Amino acid sequence: MSYKSILVHLDTSVRAHSRLEIALQLAHRFHARLTGLFSTYVPPRHAFFVMAGTAEYYAEHERLRHERAGALERQFHAELARANVEGQWIATDGYANDVVPPYARLADLVVLGQADPLDPEAFVAEQFVEHVMLSAGRPVLLVPSAGTIAAPGRHALIAWDSSREATRAVHDALPFLAHAAKVSLLTVHSPSDQPPRDRIPGADIALTLARHGVKIDVREASVDAGTPVGDALLSQASDLGCDLIVMGAYAHSRLHEVVLGGATRTLLQSMTVPVLMSH
C-alpha cells in the first residue's frame, strides 16, 4: 500500500510555502502525483452591496486573489520540476468548505495547515480543517502553524484506544508506518475509560501491523482524572522524539458547527508535530 495521489491545500498564508514543501517531499517519497489546490477566503457578494462603494472593494479583493493565485501557481510548477514530481494545479472560487472536500475525496492523502489565529490570510472558512476531515473520507495530514517542520515519518506515535476512528487512522497511515525507522503505539488510560471488555489491547493491533512489516513499541500511560488525554499524547510525543502522531478524529456535525472530541480538539489547537487524522 502506498499513497499514489496527494492533495495539498494552498492559500496566501505565511505557512503555505512550507506546507507545499512538505507535500513535495512526501510526493517524492511515495512516488505520488501532487495536486495543489488553491482556495482562499471569498467574501460573499451580497455582503458588499449594503454600502456605496463596497462593490469596488469586492472587485479589488477578487483581483488580488487571482494575482496571488497566479504567483503561487508559477512557484508550484517550478517546485514540481525541481523535485521531479508529477502534478497539477487547481484554483477554486467559492466557499472553501464546499469546494475543497470534493477534490479531497479524489486523493489518497490530504495535506492541510493548522489554523493560525495570528495570520489573517490563514482563514479560509469557519472550521475549515474540521469540515474537510469530516466530509472528505480521506486521511488528513495536519501541518503545525509554528516552527520549522520537515516531512514527517521518521518516528511515528500511534494514539490507540481501539475505536473505529483509531483503527481507520492506523490503516490509513500504513505507508508512513512502513517507511518509519521507529513506530511507537500508546494507550492512555484515564478514570473515565469504558470497561475494558470491548477494548482491543495495543499488543493485538501491533500484531496486525507486524504482518505488514511494521515493528511497534507498545506503551501504556495513565493520567489522573481531569487531565486531558491530548496533553498526555503531546507530552509522550515530545519525550520520545516523535515527528508524527497518528490518531482517530472524533467529531460530529451539529447544524453548521463541528463538535470535536476532547483529544482531537487538543491536538488541533496545540500540535507541535504533524498529525495524521482519520474519521
C-alpha atoms as a PDB file:
ATOM      1  CA  MET A   1       0.000   0.000   0.000  1.00  0.00           C
ATOM      2  CA  SER A   2       1.201   3.493  -0.812  1.00  0.00           C
ATOM      3  CA  TYR A   3      -0.115   6.981  -1.432  1.00  0.00           C
ATOM      4  CA  LYS A   4      -0.350   7.475  -5.192  1.00  0.00           C
ATOM      5  CA  SER A   5      -2.128  10.818  -5.115  1.00  0.00           C
ATOM      6  CA  ILE A   6      -1.587  13.627  -2.602  1.00  0.00           C
ATOM      7  CA  LEU A   7      -3.549  16.878  -2.393  1.00  0.00           C
ATOM      8  CA  VAL A   8      -2.164  19.925  -0.607  1.00  0.00           C
ATOM      9  CA  HIS A   9      -4.337  22.923   0.213  1.00  0.00           C
ATOM     10  CA  LEU A  10      -2.640  26.204  -0.651  1.00  0.00           C
ATOM     11  CA  ASP A  11      -3.623  29.771   0.139  1.00  0.00           C
ATOM     12  CA  THR A  12      -1.980  33.151   0.675  1.00  0.00           C
ATOM     13  CA  SER A  13      -0.958  32.448   4.269  1.00  0.00           C
ATOM     14  CA  VAL A  14       2.614  32.658   5.556  1.00  0.00           C
ATOM     15  CA  ARG A  15       2.809  28.873   6.041  1.00  0.00           C
ATOM     16  CA  ALA A  16       1.548  27.898   2.581  1.00  0.00           C
ATOM     17  CA  HIS A  17       5.065  27.580   1.163  1.00  0.00           C
ATOM     18  CA  SER A  18       6.342  25.306   3.944  1.00  0.00           C
ATOM     19  CA  ARG A  19       3.195  23.186   3.572  1.00  0.00           C
ATOM     20  CA  LEU A  20       3.911  22.860  -0.141  1.00  0.00           C
ATOM     21  CA  GLU A  21       7.495  21.819   0.584  1.00  0.00           C
ATOM     22  CA  ILE A  22       6.340  19.034   2.915  1.00  0.00           C
ATOM     23  CA  ALA A  23       3.803  17.823   0.346  1.00  0.00           C
ATOM     24  CA  LEU A  24       6.502  17.778  -2.345  1.00  0.00           C
ATOM     25  CA  GLN A  25       8.823  15.728  -0.152  1.00  0.00           C
ATOM     26  CA  LEU A  26       6.039  13.241   0.555  1.00  0.00           C
ATOM     27  CA  ALA A  27       5.069  13.014  -3.116  1.00  0.00           C
ATOM     28  CA  HIS A  28       8.706  12.257  -3.964  1.00  0.00           C
ATOM     29  CA  ARG A  29       8.957   9.677  -1.167  1.00  0.00           C
ATOM     30  CA  PHE A  30       5.810   7.809  -2.190  1.00  0.00           C
ATOM     31  CA  HIS A  31       6.159   8.388  -5.972  1.00  0.00           C
ATOM     32  CA  ALA A  32       2.793  10.106  -5.853  1.00  0.00           C
ATOM     33  CA  ARG A  33       1.114  12.680  -8.076  1.00  0.00           C
ATOM     34  CA  LEU A  34       0.659  16.005  -6.286  1.00  0.00           C
ATOM     35  CA  THR A  35      -2.335  18.283  -6.679  1.00  0.00           C
ATOM     36  CA  GLY A  36      -2.014  21.863  -5.469  1.00  0.00           C
ATOM     37  CA  LEU A  37      -5.497  23.112  -4.620  1.00  0.00           C
ATOM     38  CA  PHE A  38      -5.708  26.881  -4.206  1.00  0.00           C
ATOM     39  CA  SER A  39      -8.634  28.061  -2.092  1.00  0.00           C
ATOM     40  CA  THR A  40      -8.831  31.219  -0.018  1.00  0.00           C
ATOM     41  CA  TYR A  41     -11.475  33.176   1.838  1.00  0.00           C
ATOM     42  CA  VAL A  42     -14.024  34.512  -0.635  1.00  0.00           C
ATOM     43  CA  PRO A  43     -16.234  37.259   0.822  1.00  0.00           C
ATOM     44  CA  PRO A  44     -19.904  36.780  -0.027  1.00  0.00           C
ATOM     45  CA  ARG A  45     -21.013  39.180  -2.745  1.00  0.00           C
ATOM     46  CA  HIS A  46     -24.254  40.130  -1.002  1.00  0.00           C
ATOM     47  CA  ALA A  47     -22.289  41.451   1.964  1.00  0.00           C
ATOM     48  CA  PHE A  48     -20.669  44.142  -0.175  1.00  0.00           C
ATOM     49  CA  PHE A  49     -23.721  45.753  -1.672  1.00  0.00           C
ATOM     50  CA  VAL A  50     -25.068  47.210   1.535  1.00  0.00           C
ATOM     51  CA  MET A  51     -22.992  50.375   1.395  1.00  0.00           C
ATOM     52  CA  ALA A  52     -21.988  52.529  -1.554  1.00  0.00           C
ATOM     53  CA  GLY A  53     -18.528  51.725  -2.856  1.00  0.00           C
ATOM     54  CA  THR A  54     -18.334  48.222  -1.438  1.00  0.00           C
ATOM     55  CA  ALA A  55     -18.828  46.662  -4.874  1.00  0.00           C
ATOM     56  CA  GLU A  56     -15.486  48.204  -5.870  1.00  0.00           C
ATOM     57  CA  TYR A  57     -13.912  46.698  -2.734  1.00  0.00           C
ATOM     58  CA  TYR A  58     -15.154  43.247  -3.716  1.00  0.00           C
ATOM     59  CA  ALA A  59     -13.745  43.641  -7.229  1.00  0.00           C
ATOM     60  CA  GLU A  60     -10.356  44.686  -5.821  1.00  0.00           C
ATOM     61  CA  HIS A  61     -10.366  41.730  -3.400  1.00  0.00           C
ATOM     62  CA  GLU A  62     -11.091  39.378  -6.276  1.00  0.00           C
ATOM     63  CA  ARG A  63      -8.324  40.916  -8.423  1.00  0.00           C
ATOM     64  CA  LEU A  64      -5.742  40.482  -5.623  1.00  0.00           C
ATOM     65  CA  ARG A  65      -6.858  36.908  -5.024  1.00  0.00           C
ATOM     66  CA  HIS A  66      -6.318  35.966  -8.677  1.00  0.00           C
ATOM     67  CA  GLU A  67      -2.987  37.801  -8.744  1.00  0.00           C
ATOM     68  CA  ARG A  68      -1.718  35.884  -5.715  1.00  0.00           C
ATOM     69  CA  ALA A  69      -3.045  32.631  -7.116  1.00  0.00           C
ATOM     70  CA  GLY A  70      -1.095  33.227 -10.324  1.00  0.00           C
ATOM     71  CA  ALA A  71       2.146  33.864  -8.451  1.00  0.00           C
ATOM     72  CA  LEU A  72       1.692  30.738  -6.328  1.00  0.00           C
ATOM     73  CA  GLU A  73       0.830  28.663  -9.381  1.00  0.00           C
ATOM     74  CA  ARG A  74       4.091  29.645 -11.044  1.00  0.00           C
ATOM     75  CA  GLN A  75       6.011  28.687  -7.915  1.00  0.00           C
ATOM     76  CA  PHE A  76       4.113  25.399  -7.671  1.00  0.00           C
ATOM     77  CA  HIS A  77       5.089  24.317 -11.182  1.00  0.00           C
ATOM     78  CA  ALA A  78       8.695  25.392 -10.616  1.00  0.00           C
ATOM     79  CA  GLU A  79       8.856  23.336  -7.421  1.00  0.00           C
ATOM     80  CA  LEU A  80       7.319  20.319  -9.159  1.00  0.00           C
ATOM     81  CA  ALA A  81      10.064  20.442 -11.774  1.00  0.00           C
ATOM     82  CA  ARG A  82      12.781  20.872  -9.143  1.00  0.00           C
ATOM     83  CA  ALA A  83      11.513  17.894  -7.115  1.00  0.00           C
ATOM     84  CA  ASN A  84      10.873  15.782 -10.228  1.00  0.00           C
ATOM     85  CA  VAL A  85       7.273  15.221  -9.171  1.00  0.00           C
ATOM     86  CA  GLU A  86       4.223  14.999 -11.422  1.00  0.00           C
ATOM     87  CA  GLY A  87       1.255  17.109 -10.507  1.00  0.00           C
ATOM     88  CA  GLN A  88      -1.466  19.561 -11.355  1.00  0.00           C
ATOM     89  CA  TRP A  89      -2.686  22.943 -10.175  1.00  0.00           C
ATOM     90  CA  ILE A  90      -6.340  23.692  -9.425  1.00  0.00           C
ATOM     91  CA  ALA A  91      -7.592  27.146  -8.427  1.00  0.00           C
ATOM     92  CA  THR A  92     -11.089  27.275  -6.984  1.00  0.00           C
ATOM     93  CA  ASP A  93     -13.579  30.045  -6.358  1.00  0.00           C
ATOM     94  CA  GLY A  94     -16.299  29.741  -3.797  1.00  0.00           C
ATOM     95  CA  TYR A  95     -16.668  28.830  -0.142  1.00  0.00           C
ATOM     96  CA  ALA A  96     -13.766  26.559   0.852  1.00  0.00           C
ATOM     97  CA  ASN A  97     -15.901  24.220   2.974  1.00  0.00           C
ATOM     98  CA  ASP A  98     -17.967  23.491  -0.149  1.00  0.00           C
ATOM     99  CA  VAL A  99     -15.342  23.381  -2.906  1.00  0.00           C
ATOM    100  CA  VAL A 100     -12.390  21.637  -1.213  1.00  0.00           C
ATOM    101  CA  PRO A 101     -13.946  18.324   0.009  1.00  0.00           C
ATOM    102  CA  PRO A 102     -14.931  17.043  -3.480  1.00  0.00           C
ATOM    103  CA  TYR A 103     -11.311  17.360  -4.627  1.00  0.00           C
ATOM    104  CA  ALA A 104     -10.037  15.874  -1.353  1.00  0.00           C
ATOM    105  CA  ARG A 105     -12.103  12.731  -1.944  1.00  0.00           C
ATOM    106  CA  LEU A 106     -10.018  12.018  -5.044  1.00  0.00           C
ATOM    107  CA  ALA A 107      -6.718  11.890  -3.139  1.00  0.00           C
ATOM    108  CA  ASP A 108      -5.075   9.169  -1.068  1.00  0.00           C
ATOM    109  CA  LEU A 109      -3.754  11.772   1.387  1.00  0.00           C
ATOM    110  CA  VAL A 110      -4.788  15.368   2.073  1.00  0.00           C
ATOM    111  CA  VAL A 111      -2.284  17.883   3.474  1.00  0.00           C
ATOM    112  CA  LEU A 112      -3.773  20.846   5.378  1.00  0.00           C
ATOM    113  CA  GLY A 113      -2.382  23.514   7.654  1.00  0.00           C
ATOM    114  CA  GLN A 114      -3.291  24.014  11.297  1.00  0.00           C
ATOM    115  CA  ALA A 115      -5.496  27.057  11.903  1.00  0.00           C
ATOM    116  CA  ASP A 116      -3.326  30.086  12.678  1.00  0.00           C
ATOM    117  CA  PRO A 117      -5.134  32.894  14.541  1.00  0.00           C
ATOM    118  CA  LEU A 118      -2.053  35.127  14.171  1.00  0.00           C
ATOM    119  CA  ASP A 119      -2.256  35.138  10.367  1.00  0.00           C
ATOM    120  CA  PRO A 120      -5.472  36.610   8.879  1.00  0.00           C
ATOM    121  CA  GLU A 121      -4.617  35.109   5.481  1.00  0.00           C
ATOM    122  CA  ALA A 122      -4.783  31.619   7.006  1.00  0.00           C
ATOM    123  CA  PHE A 123      -8.546  31.909   7.479  1.00  0.00           C
ATOM    124  CA  VAL A 124     -10.411  30.393   4.545  1.00  0.00           C
ATOM    125  CA  ALA A 125     -13.672  29.257   6.173  1.00  0.00           C
ATOM    126  CA  GLU A 126     -15.203  28.572   9.574  1.00  0.00           C
ATOM    127  CA  GLN A 127     -13.831  25.297  10.989  1.00  0.00           C
ATOM    128  CA  PHE A 128     -12.224  24.520   7.641  1.00  0.00           C
ATOM    129  CA  VAL A 129      -9.961  21.700   8.835  1.00  0.00           C
ATOM    130  CA  GLU A 130     -12.775  20.083  10.774  1.00  0.00           C
ATOM    131  CA  HIS A 131     -15.161  20.178   7.808  1.00  0.00           C
ATOM    132  CA  VAL A 132     -12.616  18.608   5.463  1.00  0.00           C
ATOM    133  CA  MET A 133     -11.818  15.850   7.977  1.00  0.00           C
ATOM    134  CA  LEU A 134     -15.495  15.033   8.412  1.00  0.00           C
ATOM    135  CA  SER A 135     -16.575  15.203   4.791  1.00  0.00           C
ATOM    136  CA  ALA A 136     -13.606  14.069   2.690  1.00  0.00           C
ATOM    137  CA  GLY A 137     -13.461  10.448   3.842  1.00  0.00           C
ATOM    138  CA  ARG A 138      -9.669  10.571   3.389  1.00  0.00           C
ATOM    139  CA  PRO A 139      -6.762  10.730   5.858  1.00  0.00           C
ATOM    140  CA  VAL A 140      -5.708  14.298   6.605  1.00  0.00           C
ATOM    141  CA  LEU A 141      -2.139  15.250   7.482  1.00  0.00           C
ATOM    142  CA  LEU A 142      -2.157  18.470   9.506  1.00  0.00           C
ATOM    143  CA  VAL A 143       0.969  20.611   9.498  1.00  0.00           C
ATOM    144  CA  PRO A 144       1.598  22.824  12.564  1.00  0.00           C
ATOM    145  CA  SER A 145       1.366  26.576  12.110  1.00  0.00           C
ATOM    146  CA  ALA A 146       4.574  27.239  14.052  1.00  0.00           C
ATOM    147  CA  GLY A 147       8.137  26.011  13.994  1.00  0.00           C
ATOM    148  CA  THR A 148      10.328  24.510  11.290  1.00  0.00           C
ATOM    149  CA  ILE A 149       8.709  21.275  10.195  1.00  0.00           C
ATOM    150  CA  ALA A 150      10.294  18.617   7.982  1.00  0.00           C
ATOM    151  CA  ALA A 151       8.384  15.926   6.141  1.00  0.00           C
ATOM    152  CA  PRO A 152       7.262  13.554   8.921  1.00  0.00           C
ATOM    153  CA  GLY A 153       7.542   9.817   9.335  1.00  0.00           C
ATOM    154  CA  ARG A 154      10.910   9.021  10.905  1.00  0.00           C
ATOM    155  CA  HIS A 155       9.342   8.134  14.294  1.00  0.00           C
ATOM    156  CA  ALA A 156       5.555   7.810  14.405  1.00  0.00           C
ATOM    157  CA  LEU A 157       3.407   7.694  17.520  1.00  0.00           C
ATOM    158  CA  ILE A 158       0.067   5.900  17.230  1.00  0.00           C
ATOM    159  CA  ALA A 159      -2.627   7.030  19.664  1.00  0.00           C
ATOM    160  CA  TRP A 160      -4.531   3.795  20.267  1.00  0.00           C
ATOM    161  CA  ASP A 161      -7.877   3.424  22.051  1.00  0.00           C
ATOM    162  CA  SER A 162      -9.309   0.524  19.983  1.00  0.00           C
ATOM    163  CA  SER A 163     -12.039   2.704  18.446  1.00  0.00           C
ATOM    164  CA  ARG A 164     -13.268   2.646  14.867  1.00  0.00           C
ATOM    165  CA  GLU A 165     -11.591   6.001  14.226  1.00  0.00           C
ATOM    166  CA  ALA A 166      -8.234   4.867  15.635  1.00  0.00           C
ATOM    167  CA  THR A 167      -8.404   1.664  13.572  1.00  0.00           C
ATOM    168  CA  ARG A 168      -9.113   3.674  10.441  1.00  0.00           C
ATOM    169  CA  ALA A 169      -6.202   6.011  11.198  1.00  0.00           C
ATOM    170  CA  VAL A 170      -3.748   3.136  11.730  1.00  0.00           C
ATOM    171  CA  HIS A 171      -4.548   1.579   8.381  1.00  0.00           C
ATOM    172  CA  ASP A 172      -4.665   4.920   6.576  1.00  0.00           C
ATOM    173  CA  ALA A 173      -1.165   5.635   7.937  1.00  0.00           C
ATOM    174  CA  LEU A 174       0.376   2.339   6.759  1.00  0.00           C
ATOM    175  CA  PRO A 175       2.538   3.981   4.064  1.00  0.00           C
ATOM    176  CA  PHE A 176       4.074   6.225   6.741  1.00  0.00           C
ATOM    177  CA  LEU A 177       4.456   3.368   9.212  1.00  0.00           C
ATOM    178  CA  ALA A 178       6.115   1.108   6.638  1.00  0.00           C
ATOM    179  CA  HIS A 179       8.742   3.799   5.913  1.00  0.00           C
ATOM    180  CA  ALA A 180       9.311   4.807   9.547  1.00  0.00           C
ATOM    181  CA  ALA A 181      12.545   3.975  11.328  1.00  0.00           C
ATOM    182  CA  LYS A 182      10.554   3.567  14.545  1.00  0.00           C
ATOM    183  CA  VAL A 183       6.881   3.275  15.475  1.00  0.00           C
ATOM    184  CA  SER A 184       5.502   3.612  18.998  1.00  0.00           C
ATOM    185  CA  LEU A 185       1.943   2.797  19.992  1.00  0.00           C
ATOM    186  CA  LEU A 186       0.494   4.453  23.074  1.00  0.00           C
ATOM    187  CA  THR A 187      -2.657   3.671  25.014  1.00  0.00           C
ATOM    188  CA  VAL A 188      -3.607   6.325  27.555  1.00  0.00           C
ATOM    189  CA  HIS A 189      -5.755   5.159  30.464  1.00  0.00           C
ATOM    190  CA  SER A 190      -7.920   7.552  32.439  1.00  0.00           C
ATOM    191  CA  PRO A 191     -10.501   7.056  35.228  1.00  0.00           C
ATOM    192  CA  SER A 192     -13.282   7.808  32.742  1.00  0.00           C
ATOM    193  CA  ASP A 193     -12.380   4.880  30.453  1.00  0.00           C
ATOM    194  CA  GLN A 194     -15.100   2.480  29.356  1.00  0.00           C
ATOM    195  CA  PRO A 195     -14.966  -1.034  30.827  1.00  0.00           C
ATOM    196  CA  PRO A 196     -12.089  -2.978  29.204  1.00  0.00           C
ATOM    197  CA  ARG A 197     -14.433  -5.702  27.925  1.00  0.00           C
ATOM    198  CA  ASP A 198     -14.670  -4.218  24.413  1.00  0.00           C
ATOM    199  CA  ARG A 199     -11.200  -2.696  24.184  1.00  0.00           C
ATOM    200  CA  ILE A 200      -8.636  -4.175  21.820  1.00  0.00           C
ATOM    201  CA  PRO A 201      -5.206  -4.307  23.500  1.00  0.00           C
ATOM    202  CA  GLY A 202      -2.384  -2.404  21.866  1.00  0.00           C
ATOM    203  CA  ALA A 203      -0.404  -5.625  21.541  1.00  0.00           C
ATOM    204  CA  ASP A 204      -3.156  -7.106  19.351  1.00  0.00           C
ATOM    205  CA  ILE A 205      -3.239  -4.256  16.820  1.00  0.00           C
ATOM    206  CA  ALA A 206       0.571  -4.253  16.907  1.00  0.00           C
ATOM    207  CA  LEU A 207       0.493  -7.898  15.798  1.00  0.00           C
ATOM    208  CA  THR A 208      -1.838  -6.976  12.943  1.00  0.00           C
ATOM    209  CA  LEU A 209       0.557  -4.259  11.816  1.00  0.00           C
ATOM    210  CA  ALA A 210       3.525  -6.612  12.154  1.00  0.00           C
ATOM    211  CA  ARG A 211       2.029  -8.651   9.328  1.00  0.00           C
ATOM    212  CA  HIS A 212       2.586  -5.555   7.179  1.00  0.00           C
ATOM    213  CA  GLY A 213       6.224  -5.468   8.223  1.00  0.00           C
ATOM    214  CA  VAL A 214       5.765  -2.726  10.831  1.00  0.00           C
ATOM    215  CA  LYS A 215       7.573  -3.282  14.130  1.00  0.00           C
ATOM    216  CA  ILE A 216       5.948  -1.453  17.026  1.00  0.00           C
ATOM    217  CA  ASP A 217       6.987  -0.481  20.526  1.00  0.00           C
ATOM    218  CA  VAL A 218       3.806  -0.837  22.623  1.00  0.00           C
ATOM    219  CA  ARG A 219       3.413   1.553  25.549  1.00  0.00           C
ATOM    220  CA  GLU A 220       0.767   2.420  28.112  1.00  0.00           C
ATOM    221  CA  ALA A 221       0.288   5.532  30.230  1.00  0.00           C
ATOM    222  CA  SER A 222      -2.191   6.594  32.888  1.00  0.00           C
ATOM    223  CA  VAL A 223      -3.475  10.076  33.590  1.00  0.00           C
ATOM    224  CA  ASP A 224      -5.336  11.482  36.559  1.00  0.00           C
ATOM    225  CA  ALA A 225      -8.998  12.434  36.404  1.00  0.00           C
ATOM    226  CA  GLY A 226      -9.349  15.769  34.664  1.00  0.00           C
ATOM    227  CA  THR A 227      -6.057  15.521  32.769  1.00  0.00           C
ATOM    228  CA  PRO A 228      -6.710  15.831  29.016  1.00  0.00           C
ATOM    229  CA  VAL A 229      -5.653  12.767  27.066  1.00  0.00           C
ATOM    230  CA  GLY A 230      -4.447  15.068  24.290  1.00  0.00           C
ATOM    231  CA  ASP A 231      -1.923  16.654  26.643  1.00  0.00           C
ATOM    232  CA  ALA A 232      -0.578  13.200  27.519  1.00  0.00           C
ATOM    233  CA  LEU A 233      -0.178  12.378  23.815  1.00  0.00           C
ATOM    234  CA  LEU A 234       1.738  15.585  23.116  1.00  0.00           C
ATOM    235  CA  SER A 235       3.934  15.021  26.164  1.00  0.00           C
ATOM    236  CA  GLN A 236       4.780  11.463  25.120  1.00  0.00           C
ATOM    237  CA  ALA A 237       5.467  12.560  21.537  1.00  0.00           C
ATOM    238  CA  SER A 238       7.931  15.133  22.840  1.00  0.00           C
ATOM    239  CA  ASP A 239       9.623  12.726  25.268  1.00  0.00           C
ATOM    240  CA  LEU A 240      10.039  10.046  22.591  1.00  0.00           C
ATOM    241  CA  GLY A 241      11.204  12.446  19.895  1.00  0.00           C
ATOM    242  CA  CYS A 242       8.331  11.610  17.543  1.00  0.00           C
ATOM    243  CA  ASP A 243       7.804  13.619  14.369  1.00  0.00           C
ATOM    244  CA  LEU A 244       4.317  12.288  13.548  1.00  0.00           C
ATOM    245  CA  ILE A 245       1.199  11.455  15.560  1.00  0.00           C
ATOM    246  CA  VAL A 246      -1.401   9.089  14.114  1.00  0.00           C
ATOM    247  CA  MET A 247      -4.862   9.220  15.668  1.00  0.00           C
ATOM    248  CA  GLY A 248      -8.561   8.933  15.024  1.00  0.00           C
ATOM    249  CA  ALA A 249     -10.532  12.170  14.725  1.00  0.00           C
ATOM    250  CA  TYR A 250     -13.621  12.312  16.915  1.00  0.00           C
ATOM    251  CA  ALA A 251     -16.217  14.799  15.761  1.00  0.00           C
ATOM    252  CA  HIS A 252     -19.767  15.214  14.530  1.00  0.00           C
ATOM    253  CA  SER A 253     -21.705  17.963  12.818  1.00  0.00           C
ATOM    254  CA  ARG A 254     -24.440  19.861  14.620  1.00  0.00           C
ATOM    255  CA  LEU A 255     -26.244  22.234  12.259  1.00  0.00           C
ATOM    256  CA  HIS A 256     -23.381  24.369  10.893  1.00  0.00           C
ATOM    257  CA  GLU A 257     -20.990  23.626  13.756  1.00  0.00           C
ATOM    258  CA  VAL A 258     -18.467  20.819  14.102  1.00  0.00           C
ATOM    259  CA  VAL A 259     -18.255  19.433  17.629  1.00  0.00           C
ATOM    260  CA  LEU A 260     -14.886  17.837  18.377  1.00  0.00           C
ATOM    261  CA  GLY A 261     -13.846  15.206  20.882  1.00  0.00           C
ATOM    262  CA  GLY A 262     -11.504  16.323  23.652  1.00  0.00           C
ATOM    263  CA  ALA A 263      -8.255  14.780  22.383  1.00  0.00           C
ATOM    264  CA  THR A 264      -8.991  15.826  18.816  1.00  0.00           C
ATOM    265  CA  ARG A 265      -9.613  19.407  19.937  1.00  0.00           C
ATOM    266  CA  THR A 266      -6.391  19.475  21.971  1.00  0.00           C
ATOM    267  CA  LEU A 267      -4.269  18.202  19.084  1.00  0.00           C
ATOM    268  CA  LEU A 268      -5.788  20.607  16.581  1.00  0.00           C
ATOM    269  CA  GLN A 269      -5.102  23.544  18.874  1.00  0.00           C
ATOM    270  CA  SER A 270      -1.734  22.586  20.363  1.00  0.00           C
ATOM    271  CA  MET A 271       0.046  20.245  17.935  1.00  0.00           C
ATOM    272  CA  THR A 272       3.814  20.513  17.869  1.00  0.00           C
ATOM    273  CA  VAL A 273       4.417  17.882  15.161  1.00  0.00           C
ATOM    274  CA  PRO A 274       2.347  16.892  12.117  1.00  0.00           C
ATOM    275  CA  VAL A 275      -0.740  14.818  12.942  1.00  0.00           C
ATOM    276  CA  LEU A 276      -2.391  12.302  10.635  1.00  0.00           C
ATOM    277  CA  MET A 277      -6.094  12.108  11.470  1.00  0.00           C
ATOM    278  CA  SER A 278      -8.815   9.876  10.067  1.00  0.00           C
ATOM    279  CA  HIS A 279     -12.522   9.974  10.794  1.00  0.00           C
END
